């Protein structure tokens, strides 16, 4: 049976560890990074839900990155085809 988990943030924030490699590749800018594992976690979420979801993972330092959280959040959202909601602050 197909998963019906679309539209909610994964409860296990450790799953967002797959986004760390995506951030590394985006920073180095080696062509098109493999988006699927990370972006599939926020697929089906509206931009605000995706931002909150990724912000929570970044703040929990699941990705091993604790610098420039707003910048990293923007990068991940952009790579996954999402937009950072206006006035959204990941704090």
PDB file of N, CA and C in Angstrom:
ATOM      1  N   UNK A   1       0.843  -1.187   0.000  1.00  0.00           N
ATOM      2  CA  UNK A   1       0.000   0.000   0.000  1.00  0.00           C
ATOM      3  C   UNK A   1       0.888   1.250   0.000  1.00  0.00           C
ATOM      4  N   UNK A   2       0.501   2.270  -0.740  1.00  0.00           N
ATOM      5  CA  UNK A   2       1.306   3.488  -0.782  1.00  0.00           C
ATOM      6  C   UNK A   2       1.254   4.241   0.538  1.00  0.00           C
ATOM      7  N   UNK A   3       2.305   4.982   0.806  1.00  0.00           N
ATOM      8  CA  UNK A   3       2.371   5.766   2.028  1.00  0.00           C
ATOM      9  C   UNK A   3       1.378   6.924   1.960  1.00  0.00           C
ATOM     10  N   UNK A   4       0.739   7.193   3.072  1.00  0.00           N
ATOM     11  CA  UNK A   4      -0.190   8.318   3.128  1.00  0.00           C
ATOM     12  C   UNK A   4       0.401   9.424   3.993  1.00  0.00           C
ATOM     13  N   UNK A   5       1.724   9.510   4.037  1.00  0.00           N
ATOM     14  CA  UNK A   5       2.400  10.449   4.909  1.00  0.00           C
ATOM     15  C   UNK A   5       2.619  11.815   4.264  1.00  0.00           C
ATOM     16  N   UNK A   6       2.018  12.078   3.110  1.00  0.00           N
ATOM     17  CA  UNK A   6       2.203  13.374   2.472  1.00  0.00           C
ATOM     18  C   UNK A   6       1.465  14.440   3.264  1.00  0.00           C
ATOM     19  N   UNK A   7       2.083  15.609   3.363  1.00  0.00           N
ATOM     20  CA  UNK A   7       1.429  16.717   4.022  1.00  0.00           C
ATOM     21  C   UNK A   7       1.798  16.881   5.478  1.00  0.00           C
ATOM     22  N   UNK A   8       2.697  16.053   6.001  1.00  0.00           N
ATOM     23  CA  UNK A   8       3.136  16.215   7.377  1.00  0.00           C
ATOM     24  C   UNK A   8       4.646  16.107   7.450  1.00  0.00           C
ATOM     25  N   UNK A   9       5.211  16.805   8.404  1.00  0.00           N
ATOM     26  CA  UNK A   9       6.655  16.757   8.627  1.00  0.00           C
ATOM     27  C   UNK A   9       6.988  15.419   9.278  1.00  0.00           C
ATOM     28  N   UNK A  10       8.055  14.751   8.818  1.00  0.00           N
ATOM     29  CA  UNK A  10       8.441  13.491   9.470  1.00  0.00           C
ATOM     30  C   UNK A  10       8.712  13.722  10.958  1.00  0.00           C
ATOM     31  N   UNK A  11       8.162  12.853  11.796  1.00  0.00           N
ATOM     32  CA  UNK A  11       8.364  13.005  13.235  1.00  0.00           C
ATOM     33  C   UNK A  11       9.815  12.763  13.622  1.00  0.00           C
ATOM     34  N   UNK A  12      10.490  11.912  12.891  1.00  0.00           N
ATOM     35  CA  UNK A  12      11.883  11.594  13.179  1.00  0.00           C
ATOM     36  C   UNK A  12      12.786  12.583  12.448  1.00  0.00           C
ATOM     37  N   UNK A  13      13.231  13.617  13.156  1.00  0.00           N
ATOM     38  CA  UNK A  13      14.049  14.644  12.509  1.00  0.00           C
ATOM     39  C   UNK A  13      15.393  14.100  12.036  1.00  0.00           C
ATOM     40  N   UNK A  14      15.811  12.941  12.546  1.00  0.00           N
ATOM     41  CA  UNK A  14      17.071  12.356  12.088  1.00  0.00           C
ATOM     42  C   UNK A  14      17.030  12.035  10.601  1.00  0.00           C
ATOM     43  N   UNK A  15      15.826  11.849  10.068  1.00  0.00           N
ATOM     44  CA  UNK A  15      15.698  11.577   8.636  1.00  0.00           C
ATOM     45  C   UNK A  15      16.278  12.715   7.804  1.00  0.00           C
ATOM     46  N   UNK A  16      16.322  13.907   8.375  1.00  0.00           N
ATOM     47  CA  UNK A  16      16.837  15.055   7.637  1.00  0.00           C
ATOM     48  C   UNK A  16      18.356  15.042   7.509  1.00  0.00           C
ATOM     49  N   UNK A  17      19.003  14.052   8.101  1.00  0.00           N
ATOM     50  CA  UNK A  17      20.438  13.902   7.906  1.00  0.00           C
ATOM     51  C   UNK A  17      20.801  13.772   6.435  1.00  0.00           C
ATOM     52  N   UNK A  18      19.875  13.255   5.625  1.00  0.00           N
ATOM     53  CA  UNK A  18      20.141  13.112   4.191  1.00  0.00           C
ATOM     54  C   UNK A  18      20.278  14.478   3.522  1.00  0.00           C
ATOM     55  N   UNK A  19      19.807  15.524   4.172  1.00  0.00           N
ATOM     56  CA  UNK A  19      19.904  16.864   3.590  1.00  0.00           C
ATOM     57  C   UNK A  19      21.300  17.459   3.757  1.00  0.00           C
ATOM     58  N   UNK A  20      22.092  16.917   4.673  1.00  0.00           N
ATOM     59  CA  UNK A  20      23.429  17.456   4.904  1.00  0.00           C
ATOM     60  C   UNK A  20      24.296  17.338   3.663  1.00  0.00           C
ATOM     61  N   UNK A  21      24.247  16.192   3.004  1.00  0.00           N
ATOM     62  CA  UNK A  21      25.063  16.022   1.803  1.00  0.00           C
ATOM     63  C   UNK A  21      24.578  16.947   0.699  1.00  0.00           C
ATOM     64  N   UNK A  22      23.290  17.183   0.651  1.00  0.00           N
ATOM     65  CA  UNK A  22      22.729  18.100  -0.338  1.00  0.00           C
ATOM     66  C   UNK A  22      23.273  19.505  -0.107  1.00  0.00           C
ATOM     67  N   UNK A  23      23.339  19.928   1.142  1.00  0.00           N
ATOM     68  CA  UNK A  23      23.882  21.248   1.453  1.00  0.00           C
ATOM     69  C   UNK A  23      25.348  21.338   1.067  1.00  0.00           C
ATOM     70  N   UNK A  24      26.092  20.286   1.337  1.00  0.00           N
ATOM     71  CA  UNK A  24      27.503  20.281   0.976  1.00  0.00           C
ATOM     72  C   UNK A  24      27.698  20.436  -0.517  1.00  0.00           C
ATOM     73  N   UNK A  25      26.882  19.743  -1.287  1.00  0.00           N
ATOM     74  CA  UNK A  25      26.999  19.823  -2.737  1.00  0.00           C
ATOM     75  C   UNK A  25      26.546  21.173  -3.256  1.00  0.00           C
ATOM     76  N   UNK A  26      25.538  21.743  -2.629  1.00  0.00           N
ATOM     77  CA  UNK A  26      25.077  23.063  -3.053  1.00  0.00           C
ATOM     78  C   UNK A  26      26.172  24.087  -2.788  1.00  0.00           C
ATOM     79  N   UNK A  27      26.829  23.972  -1.632  1.00  0.00           N
ATOM     80  CA  UNK A  27      27.888  24.917  -1.294  1.00  0.00           C
ATOM     81  C   UNK A  27      29.045  24.845  -2.280  1.00  0.00           C
ATOM     82  N   UNK A  28      29.383  23.649  -2.711  1.00  0.00           N
ATOM     83  CA  UNK A  28      30.500  23.461  -3.631  1.00  0.00           C
ATOM     84  C   UNK A  28      30.084  23.784  -5.060  1.00  0.00           C
ATOM     85  N   UNK A  29      28.788  23.713  -5.328  1.00  0.00           N
ATOM     86  CA  UNK A  29      28.219  24.008  -6.641  1.00  0.00           C
ATOM     87  C   UNK A  29      28.757  23.088  -7.736  1.00  0.00           C
ATOM     88  N   UNK A  30      28.758  21.804  -7.465  1.00  0.00           N
ATOM     89  CA  UNK A  30      29.176  20.812  -8.457  1.00  0.00           C
ATOM     90  C   UNK A  30      27.963  20.336  -9.235  1.00  0.00           C
ATOM     91  N   UNK A  31      27.488  21.160 -10.126  1.00  0.00           N
ATOM     92  CA  UNK A  31      26.356  20.745 -10.946  1.00  0.00           C
ATOM     93  C   UNK A  31      25.079  20.620 -10.145  1.00  0.00           C
ATOM     94  N   UNK A  32      24.224  19.735 -10.607  1.00  0.00           N
ATOM     95  CA  UNK A  32      22.910  19.535  -9.995  1.00  0.00           C
ATOM     96  C   UNK A  32      23.005  18.498  -8.880  1.00  0.00           C
ATOM     97  N   UNK A  33      22.767  18.900  -7.625  1.00  0.00           N
ATOM     98  CA  UNK A  33      22.848  17.931  -6.526  1.00  0.00           C
ATOM     99  C   UNK A  33      21.685  16.943  -6.559  1.00  0.00           C
ATOM    100  N   UNK A  34      21.900  15.740  -6.032  1.00  0.00           N
ATOM    101  CA  UNK A  34      20.809  14.760  -5.955  1.00  0.00           C
ATOM    102  C   UNK A  34      19.796  15.199  -4.905  1.00  0.00           C
ATOM    103  N   UNK A  35      18.633  15.609  -5.336  1.00  0.00           N
ATOM    104  CA  UNK A  35      17.646  16.204  -4.434  1.00  0.00           C
ATOM    105  C   UNK A  35      16.735  15.188  -3.762  1.00  0.00           C
ATOM    106  N   UNK A  36      16.532  14.058  -4.394  1.00  0.00           N
ATOM    107  CA  UNK A  36      15.434  13.179  -4.020  1.00  0.00           C
ATOM    108  C   UNK A  36      15.340  12.832  -2.538  1.00  0.00           C
ATOM    109  N   UNK A  37      16.393  12.308  -1.890  1.00  0.00           N
ATOM    110  CA  UNK A  37      16.201  11.882  -0.490  1.00  0.00           C
ATOM    111  C   UNK A  37      15.760  13.018   0.425  1.00  0.00           C
ATOM    112  N   UNK A  38      16.366  14.174   0.277  1.00  0.00           N
ATOM    113  CA  UNK A  38      16.032  15.303   1.143  1.00  0.00           C
ATOM    114  C   UNK A  38      14.682  15.904   0.767  1.00  0.00           C
ATOM    115  N   UNK A  39      14.509  16.214  -0.488  1.00  0.00           N
ATOM    116  CA  UNK A  39      13.287  16.905  -0.925  1.00  0.00           C
ATOM    117  C   UNK A  39      12.042  16.042  -0.757  1.00  0.00           C
ATOM    118  N   UNK A  40      12.206  14.731  -0.837  1.00  0.00           N
ATOM    119  CA  UNK A  40      11.033  13.865  -0.677  1.00  0.00           C
ATOM    120  C   UNK A  40      10.465  13.958   0.738  1.00  0.00           C
ATOM    121  N   UNK A  41      11.294  14.374   1.700  1.00  0.00           N
ATOM    122  CA  UNK A  41      10.824  14.515   3.080  1.00  0.00           C
ATOM    123  C   UNK A  41       9.833  15.660   3.227  1.00  0.00           C
ATOM    124  N   UNK A  42       9.945  16.675   2.374  1.00  0.00           N
ATOM    125  CA  UNK A  42       9.040  17.822   2.479  1.00  0.00           C
ATOM    126  C   UNK A  42       8.079  17.906   1.296  1.00  0.00           C
ATOM    127  N   UNK A  43       8.100  16.886   0.465  1.00  0.00           N
ATOM    128  CA  UNK A  43       7.176  16.841  -0.663  1.00  0.00           C
ATOM    129  C   UNK A  43       5.747  16.823  -0.134  1.00  0.00           C
ATOM    130  N   UNK A  44       4.883  17.581  -0.736  1.00  0.00           N
ATOM    131  CA  UNK A  44       3.489  17.606  -0.312  1.00  0.00           C
ATOM    132  C   UNK A  44       3.198  18.626   0.771  1.00  0.00           C
ATOM    133  N   UNK A  45       4.238  19.257   1.294  1.00  0.00           N
ATOM    134  CA  UNK A  45       4.030  20.289   2.305  1.00  0.00           C
ATOM    135  C   UNK A  45       3.917  21.647   1.629  1.00  0.00           C
ATOM    136  N   UNK A  46       3.120  22.535   2.190  1.00  0.00           N
ATOM    137  CA  UNK A  46       3.112  23.906   1.692  1.00  0.00           C
ATOM    138  C   UNK A  46       4.408  24.565   2.161  1.00  0.00           C
ATOM    139  N   UNK A  47       4.763  25.689   1.551  1.00  0.00           N
ATOM    140  CA  UNK A  47       6.049  26.323   1.836  1.00  0.00           C
ATOM    141  C   UNK A  47       6.280  26.564   3.327  1.00  0.00           C
ATOM    142  N   UNK A  48       5.261  27.059   4.030  1.00  0.00           N
ATOM    143  CA  UNK A  48       5.430  27.354   5.451  1.00  0.00           C
ATOM    144  C   UNK A  48       5.701  26.082   6.245  1.00  0.00           C
ATOM    145  N   UNK A  49       4.956  25.012   5.974  1.00  0.00           N
ATOM    146  CA  UNK A  49       5.178  23.739   6.681  1.00  0.00           C
ATOM    147  C   UNK A  49       6.577  23.209   6.394  1.00  0.00           C
ATOM    148  N   UNK A  50       7.008  23.307   5.142  1.00  0.00           N
ATOM    149  CA  UNK A  50       8.343  22.839   4.772  1.00  0.00           C
ATOM    150  C   UNK A  50       9.410  23.651   5.497  1.00  0.00           C
ATOM    151  N   UNK A  51       9.214  24.959   5.583  1.00  0.00           N
ATOM    152  CA  UNK A  51      10.178  25.829   6.258  1.00  0.00           C
ATOM    153  C   UNK A  51      10.266  25.493   7.741  1.00  0.00           C
ATOM    154  N   UNK A  52       9.121  25.305   8.383  1.00  0.00           N
ATOM    155  CA  UNK A  52       9.101  24.965   9.809  1.00  0.00           C
ATOM    156  C   UNK A  52       9.782  23.620  10.034  1.00  0.00           C
ATOM    157  N   UNK A  53       9.481  22.681   9.167  1.00  0.00           N
ATOM    158  CA  UNK A  53      10.039  21.336   9.249  1.00  0.00           C
ATOM    159  C   UNK A  53      11.571  21.373   9.159  1.00  0.00           C
ATOM    160  N   UNK A  54      12.087  22.030   8.130  1.00  0.00           N
ATOM    161  CA  UNK A  54      13.533  22.112   7.935  1.00  0.00           C
ATOM    162  C   UNK A  54      14.190  22.960   9.014  1.00  0.00           C
ATOM    163  N   UNK A  55      13.525  24.003   9.446  1.00  0.00           N
ATOM    164  CA  UNK A  55      14.056  24.851  10.509  1.00  0.00           C
ATOM    165  C   UNK A  55      14.251  24.029  11.783  1.00  0.00           C
ATOM    166  N   UNK A  56      13.267  23.216  12.117  1.00  0.00           N
ATOM    167  CA  UNK A  56      13.351  22.359  13.301  1.00  0.00           C
ATOM    168  C   UNK A  56      14.543  21.416  13.199  1.00  0.00           C
ATOM    169  N   UNK A  57      14.732  20.821  12.028  1.00  0.00           N
ATOM    170  CA  UNK A  57      15.852  19.900  11.829  1.00  0.00           C
ATOM    171  C   UNK A  57      17.183  20.637  11.926  1.00  0.00           C
ATOM    172  N   UNK A  58      17.262  21.825  11.333  1.00  0.00           N
ATOM    173  CA  UNK A  58      18.500  22.600  11.389  1.00  0.00           C
ATOM    174  C   UNK A  58      18.814  23.022  12.821  1.00  0.00           C
ATOM    175  N   UNK A  59      17.803  23.464  13.559  1.00  0.00           N
ATOM    176  CA  UNK A  59      18.026  23.900  14.938  1.00  0.00           C
ATOM    177  C   UNK A  59      18.424  22.731  15.830  1.00  0.00           C
ATOM    178  N   UNK A  60      17.925  21.548  15.528  1.00  0.00           N
ATOM    179  CA  UNK A  60      18.280  20.362  16.304  1.00  0.00           C
ATOM    180  C   UNK A  60      19.676  19.872  15.928  1.00  0.00           C
ATOM    181  N   UNK A  61      20.289  20.546  14.962  1.00  0.00           N
ATOM    182  CA  UNK A  61      21.622  20.219  14.469  1.00  0.00           C
ATOM    183  C   UNK A  61      21.695  18.799  13.932  1.00  0.00           C
ATOM    184  N   UNK A  62      20.585  18.314  13.396  1.00  0.00           N
ATOM    185  CA  UNK A  62      20.532  16.985  12.798  1.00  0.00           C
ATOM    186  C   UNK A  62      21.457  16.917  11.591  1.00  0.00           C
ATOM    187  N   UNK A  63      21.627  18.048  10.927  1.00  0.00           N
ATOM    188  CA  UNK A  63      22.440  18.070   9.717  1.00  0.00           C
ATOM    189  C   UNK A  63      23.914  18.292  10.018  1.00  0.00           C
ATOM    190  N   UNK A  64      24.258  18.497  11.288  1.00  0.00           N
ATOM    191  CA  UNK A  64      25.647  18.736  11.632  1.00  0.00           C
ATOM    192  C   UNK A  64      26.104  20.131  11.232  1.00  0.00           C
ATOM    193  N   UNK A  65      25.168  21.013  11.029  1.00  0.00           N
ATOM    194  CA  UNK A  65      25.477  22.370  10.583  1.00  0.00           C
ATOM    195  C   UNK A  65      24.781  23.328  11.526  1.00  0.00           C
ATOM    196  N   UNK A  66      25.553  24.145  12.235  1.00  0.00           N
ATOM    197  CA  UNK A  66      24.908  25.078  13.146  1.00  0.00           C
ATOM    198  C   UNK A  66      25.270  26.520  12.830  1.00  0.00           C
ATOM    199  N   UNK A  67      25.825  26.765  11.653  1.00  0.00           N
ATOM    200  CA  UNK A  67      26.147  28.116  11.223  1.00  0.00           C
ATOM    201  C   UNK A  67      25.201  28.542  10.112  1.00  0.00           C
ATOM    202  N   UNK A  68      24.878  29.811  10.079  1.00  0.00           N
ATOM    203  CA  UNK A  68      24.063  30.364   8.994  1.00  0.00           C
ATOM    204  C   UNK A  68      22.776  29.581   8.765  1.00  0.00           C
ATOM    205  N   UNK A  69      22.060  29.283   9.841  1.00  0.00           N
ATOM    206  CA  UNK A  69      20.831  28.497   9.709  1.00  0.00           C
ATOM    207  C   UNK A  69      19.854  29.117   8.705  1.00  0.00           C
ATOM    208  N   UNK A  70      19.603  30.441   8.751  1.00  0.00           N
ATOM    209  CA  UNK A  70      18.667  31.002   7.755  1.00  0.00           C
ATOM    210  C   UNK A  70      19.144  30.803   6.315  1.00  0.00           C
ATOM    211  N   UNK A  71      20.455  30.919   6.098  1.00  0.00           N
ATOM    212  CA  UNK A  71      21.007  30.729   4.750  1.00  0.00           C
ATOM    213  C   UNK A  71      20.836  29.281   4.312  1.00  0.00           C
ATOM    214  N   UNK A  72      21.154  28.346   5.193  1.00  0.00           N
ATOM    215  CA  UNK A  72      21.021  26.923   4.866  1.00  0.00           C
ATOM    216  C   UNK A  72      19.560  26.562   4.617  1.00  0.00           C
ATOM    217  N   UNK A  73      18.670  27.132   5.417  1.00  0.00           N
ATOM    218  CA  UNK A  73      17.239  26.883   5.238  1.00  0.00           C
ATOM    219  C   UNK A  73      16.793  27.355   3.856  1.00  0.00           C
ATOM    220  N   UNK A  74      17.209  28.561   3.477  1.00  0.00           N
ATOM    221  CA  UNK A  74      16.860  29.084   2.153  1.00  0.00           C
ATOM    222  C   UNK A  74      17.395  28.196   1.048  1.00  0.00           C
ATOM    223  N   UNK A  75      18.643  27.746   1.188  1.00  0.00           N
ATOM    224  CA  UNK A  75      19.241  26.872   0.174  1.00  0.00           C
ATOM    225  C   UNK A  75      18.432  25.596   0.006  1.00  0.00           C
ATOM    226  N   UNK A  76      18.118  24.950   1.124  1.00  0.00           N
ATOM    227  CA  UNK A  76      17.366  23.694   1.052  1.00  0.00           C
ATOM    228  C   UNK A  76      15.987  23.901   0.439  1.00  0.00           C
ATOM    229  N   UNK A  77      15.308  24.946   0.856  1.00  0.00           N
ATOM    230  CA  UNK A  77      13.975  25.206   0.311  1.00  0.00           C
ATOM    231  C   UNK A  77      14.050  25.471  -1.188  1.00  0.00           C
ATOM    232  N   UNK A  78      15.026  26.282  -1.613  1.00  0.00           N
ATOM    233  CA  UNK A  78      15.162  26.602  -3.037  1.00  0.00           C
ATOM    234  C   UNK A  78      15.476  25.369  -3.863  1.00  0.00           C
ATOM    235  N   UNK A  79      16.404  24.556  -3.389  1.00  0.00           N
ATOM    236  CA  UNK A  79      16.784  23.347  -4.121  1.00  0.00           C
ATOM    237  C   UNK A  79      15.584  22.413  -4.268  1.00  0.00           C
ATOM    238  N   UNK A  80      14.733  22.396  -3.254  1.00  0.00           N
ATOM    239  CA  UNK A  80      13.564  21.512  -3.275  1.00  0.00           C
ATOM    240  C   UNK A  80      12.344  22.164  -3.931  1.00  0.00           C
ATOM    241  N   UNK A  81      12.536  23.324  -4.540  1.00  0.00           N
ATOM    242  CA  UNK A  81      11.438  23.966  -5.255  1.00  0.00           C
ATOM    243  C   UNK A  81      10.429  24.658  -4.356  1.00  0.00           C
ATOM    244  N   UNK A  82      10.849  24.955  -3.141  1.00  0.00           N
ATOM    245  CA  UNK A  82       9.973  25.663  -2.200  1.00  0.00           C
ATOM    246  C   UNK A  82      10.493  27.088  -2.041  1.00  0.00           C
ATOM    247  N   UNK A  83       9.656  27.946  -1.523  1.00  0.00           N
ATOM    248  CA  UNK A  83      10.058  29.318  -1.256  1.00  0.00           C
ATOM    249  C   UNK A  83      10.006  29.564   0.251  1.00  0.00           C
ATOM    250  N   UNK A  84      10.948  30.382   0.720  1.00  0.00           N
ATOM    251  CA  UNK A  84      10.904  30.772   2.120  1.00  0.00           C
ATOM    252  C   UNK A  84       9.738  31.742   2.287  1.00  0.00           C
ATOM    253  N   UNK A  85       8.806  31.423   3.175  1.00  0.00           N
ATOM    254  CA  UNK A  85       7.655  32.319   3.361  1.00  0.00           C
ATOM    255  C   UNK A  85       8.108  33.709   3.811  1.00  0.00           C
ATOM    256  N   UNK A  86       7.437  34.720   3.303  1.00  0.00           N
ATOM    257  CA  UNK A  86       7.755  36.087   3.677  1.00  0.00           C
ATOM    258  C   UNK A  86       7.588  36.241   5.182  1.00  0.00           C
ATOM    259  N   UNK A  87       8.505  36.937   5.800  1.00  0.00           N
ATOM    260  CA  UNK A  87       8.494  37.203   7.245  1.00  0.00           C
ATOM    261  C   UNK A  87       8.749  35.959   8.095  1.00  0.00           C
ATOM    262  N   UNK A  88       9.138  34.829   7.481  1.00  0.00           N
ATOM    263  CA  UNK A  88       9.441  33.633   8.272  1.00  0.00           C
ATOM    264  C   UNK A  88      10.857  33.745   8.821  1.00  0.00           C
ATOM    265  N   UNK A  89      10.997  33.545  10.119  1.00  0.00           N
ATOM    266  CA  UNK A  89      12.314  33.592  10.751  1.00  0.00           C
ATOM    267  C   UNK A  89      12.543  32.272  11.465  1.00  0.00           C
ATOM    268  N   UNK A  90      13.615  31.613  11.101  1.00  0.00           N
ATOM    269  CA  UNK A  90      13.993  30.362  11.761  1.00  0.00           C
ATOM    270  C   UNK A  90      14.865  30.732  12.947  1.00  0.00           C
ATOM    271  N   UNK A  91      14.254  30.821  14.121  1.00  0.00           N
ATOM    272  CA  UNK A  91      15.009  31.250  15.297  1.00  0.00           C
ATOM    273  C   UNK A  91      14.761  30.316  16.465  1.00  0.00           C
TER     274      UNK A  91
END
